Amino acid sequence: MNTNANPPTESAFSRFLCFGSDTNTAALNVFANDEHNYLLPYAQFLYAERFSNPALERAPDAPPEKLLIRFVLAEVVVLGSGLKSIERDLQKYELSFVKSADRRHAATLNTPVASVIIIFTKEKI
């Protein structure tokens, strides 16, 4: 029996989520591992590709999948497992944010995103 007067709300749980979707989103909010967040507009989205992580050959404990999301000025690298759902939201321009799981909670929540890295392909304007 839960004796807590205020049960956890969805917003309290949402801080553990690695990605979210919204049908009215105009930009992807990338919470990168460098502890910065970046808003990348879908108007500058070029393409994405999902494939097996090549690092798996060298390190068996590496995340099994890699998703590259390319924009005009930046490339977002997402490492994890089960990235198909992120790819599906991205395809519909509904992926509103992506971030890596807090390492303390990743195993218990079975979250798909292990790492999010952003690489700027052109100089910052």
Protein backbone atom coordinates (compact mmCIF):
# COMPACT_ATOMS: atom_id res chain seq x y z
CA MET A 1 0.00 0.00 0.00
CA ASN A 2 1.35 3.40 -0.99
CA THR A 3 1.13 5.79 1.95
CA ASN A 4 2.63 8.70 0.04
CA ALA A 5 0.09 11.55 -0.09
CA ASN A 6 1.53 12.85 -3.38
CA PRO A 7 2.24 10.05 -5.84
CA PRO A 8 4.92 10.78 -8.42
CA THR A 9 3.62 12.72 -11.39
CA GLU A 10 4.49 12.07 -15.00
CA SER A 11 6.76 15.13 -14.98
CA ALA A 12 8.75 13.67 -12.10
CA PHE A 13 9.19 10.48 -14.12
CA SER A 14 9.96 12.36 -17.35
CA ARG A 15 13.41 13.40 -16.14
CA PHE A 16 14.45 9.75 -16.61
CA LEU A 17 13.21 9.60 -20.20
CA CYS A 18 15.77 9.64 -23.00
CA PHE A 19 13.55 11.05 -25.71
CA GLY A 20 10.16 12.60 -26.17
CA SER A 21 7.76 13.32 -28.97
CA ASP A 22 5.41 16.15 -29.75
CA THR A 23 3.34 16.60 -32.90
CA ASN A 24 3.87 20.38 -32.81
CA THR A 25 7.64 20.52 -32.49
CA ALA A 26 9.73 22.74 -34.78
CA ALA A 27 13.17 21.90 -33.42
CA LEU A 28 15.02 19.01 -31.83
CA ASN A 29 16.33 19.77 -28.35
CA VAL A 30 19.60 17.86 -27.95
CA PHE A 31 20.86 17.38 -24.39
CA ALA A 32 24.45 16.43 -25.16
CA ASN A 33 26.93 14.65 -22.92
CA ASP A 34 28.89 17.92 -22.62
CA GLU A 35 26.06 19.15 -20.33
CA HIS A 36 24.86 21.71 -22.89
CA ASN A 37 21.61 21.61 -24.75
CA TYR A 38 21.17 22.65 -28.35
CA LEU A 39 18.02 23.45 -30.33
CA LEU A 40 18.38 22.27 -33.92
CA PRO A 41 15.53 23.36 -36.23
CA TYR A 42 13.88 20.70 -38.35
CA ALA A 43 14.06 23.17 -41.26
CA GLN A 44 17.81 22.37 -41.32
CA PHE A 45 17.40 18.59 -40.99
CA LEU A 46 19.22 16.73 -43.78
CA TYR A 47 18.96 13.00 -43.05
CA ALA A 48 19.49 10.28 -40.47
CA GLU A 49 20.93 6.79 -40.59
CA ARG A 50 20.82 3.96 -38.05
CA PHE A 51 23.30 1.08 -38.11
CA SER A 52 25.30 -1.32 -35.94
CA ASN A 53 27.88 0.42 -33.81
CA PRO A 54 31.36 -0.30 -35.27
CA ALA A 55 32.87 0.06 -31.77
CA LEU A 56 31.17 -3.22 -30.87
CA GLU A 57 34.00 -5.11 -32.59
CA ARG A 58 36.60 -3.59 -30.25
CA ALA A 59 34.52 -3.36 -27.06
CA PRO A 60 31.84 -6.02 -26.50
CA ASP A 61 30.11 -3.85 -23.86
CA ALA A 62 29.66 -0.91 -26.27
CA PRO A 63 26.12 0.15 -27.19
CA PRO A 64 24.93 -2.04 -30.09
CA GLU A 65 23.40 0.69 -32.30
CA LYS A 66 24.40 4.09 -33.64
CA LEU A 67 22.02 6.74 -34.98
CA LEU A 68 23.45 9.70 -36.89
CA ILE A 69 21.14 12.69 -37.22
CA ARG A 70 22.52 15.22 -39.67
CA PHE A 71 21.58 18.89 -39.79
CA VAL A 72 23.10 21.68 -41.89
CA LEU A 73 25.45 22.86 -39.14
CA ALA A 74 25.66 19.87 -36.81
CA GLU A 75 25.70 16.09 -36.55
CA VAL A 76 24.10 14.37 -33.56
CA VAL A 77 25.44 10.92 -32.65
CA VAL A 78 23.14 8.78 -30.51
CA LEU A 79 24.47 5.50 -29.14
CA GLY A 80 22.24 2.89 -27.54
CA SER A 81 19.89 0.02 -28.22
CA GLY A 82 16.41 -0.07 -29.67
CA LEU A 83 16.90 3.26 -31.46
CA LYS A 84 14.17 2.41 -33.99
CA SER A 85 11.53 4.27 -31.95
CA ILE A 86 13.69 7.42 -31.96
CA GLU A 87 14.20 7.03 -35.70
CA ARG A 88 10.43 6.64 -36.20
CA ASP A 89 9.65 9.87 -34.30
CA LEU A 90 12.39 11.66 -36.21
CA GLN A 91 10.92 10.48 -39.51
CA LYS A 92 7.62 12.18 -38.62
CA TYR A 93 9.40 15.34 -37.32
CA GLU A 94 7.91 14.59 -33.91
CA LEU A 95 11.09 13.92 -31.92
CA SER A 96 11.15 16.84 -29.48
CA PHE A 97 14.22 15.97 -27.40
CA VAL A 98 16.92 13.37 -26.98
CA LYS A 99 19.34 12.84 -24.10
CA SER A 100 21.37 10.05 -22.56
CA ALA A 101 20.06 8.21 -19.55
CA ASP A 102 21.42 8.98 -16.13
CA ARG A 103 23.83 6.09 -15.54
CA ARG A 104 22.32 5.48 -12.09
CA HIS A 105 18.89 4.75 -13.59
CA ALA A 106 19.73 3.37 -17.04
CA ALA A 107 19.82 -0.30 -16.04
CA THR A 108 16.62 -0.27 -14.00
CA LEU A 109 14.57 1.68 -16.55
CA ASN A 110 15.91 -0.17 -19.59
CA THR A 111 16.40 3.11 -21.43
CA PRO A 112 17.66 2.97 -25.01
CA VAL A 113 20.06 5.94 -25.13
CA ALA A 114 23.54 5.49 -23.67
CA SER A 115 25.25 8.55 -25.14
CA VAL A 116 24.41 11.73 -27.09
CA ILE A 117 27.22 13.66 -28.78
CA ILE A 118 26.97 16.72 -31.00
CA ILE A 119 29.58 17.62 -33.59
CA PHE A 120 29.42 20.97 -35.36
CA THR A 121 30.17 20.59 -39.06
CA LYS A 122 30.60 24.32 -39.66
CA GLU A 123 31.88 27.13 -37.49
CA LYS A 124 29.41 28.41 -34.97
CA ILE A 125 27.69 31.50 -36.26
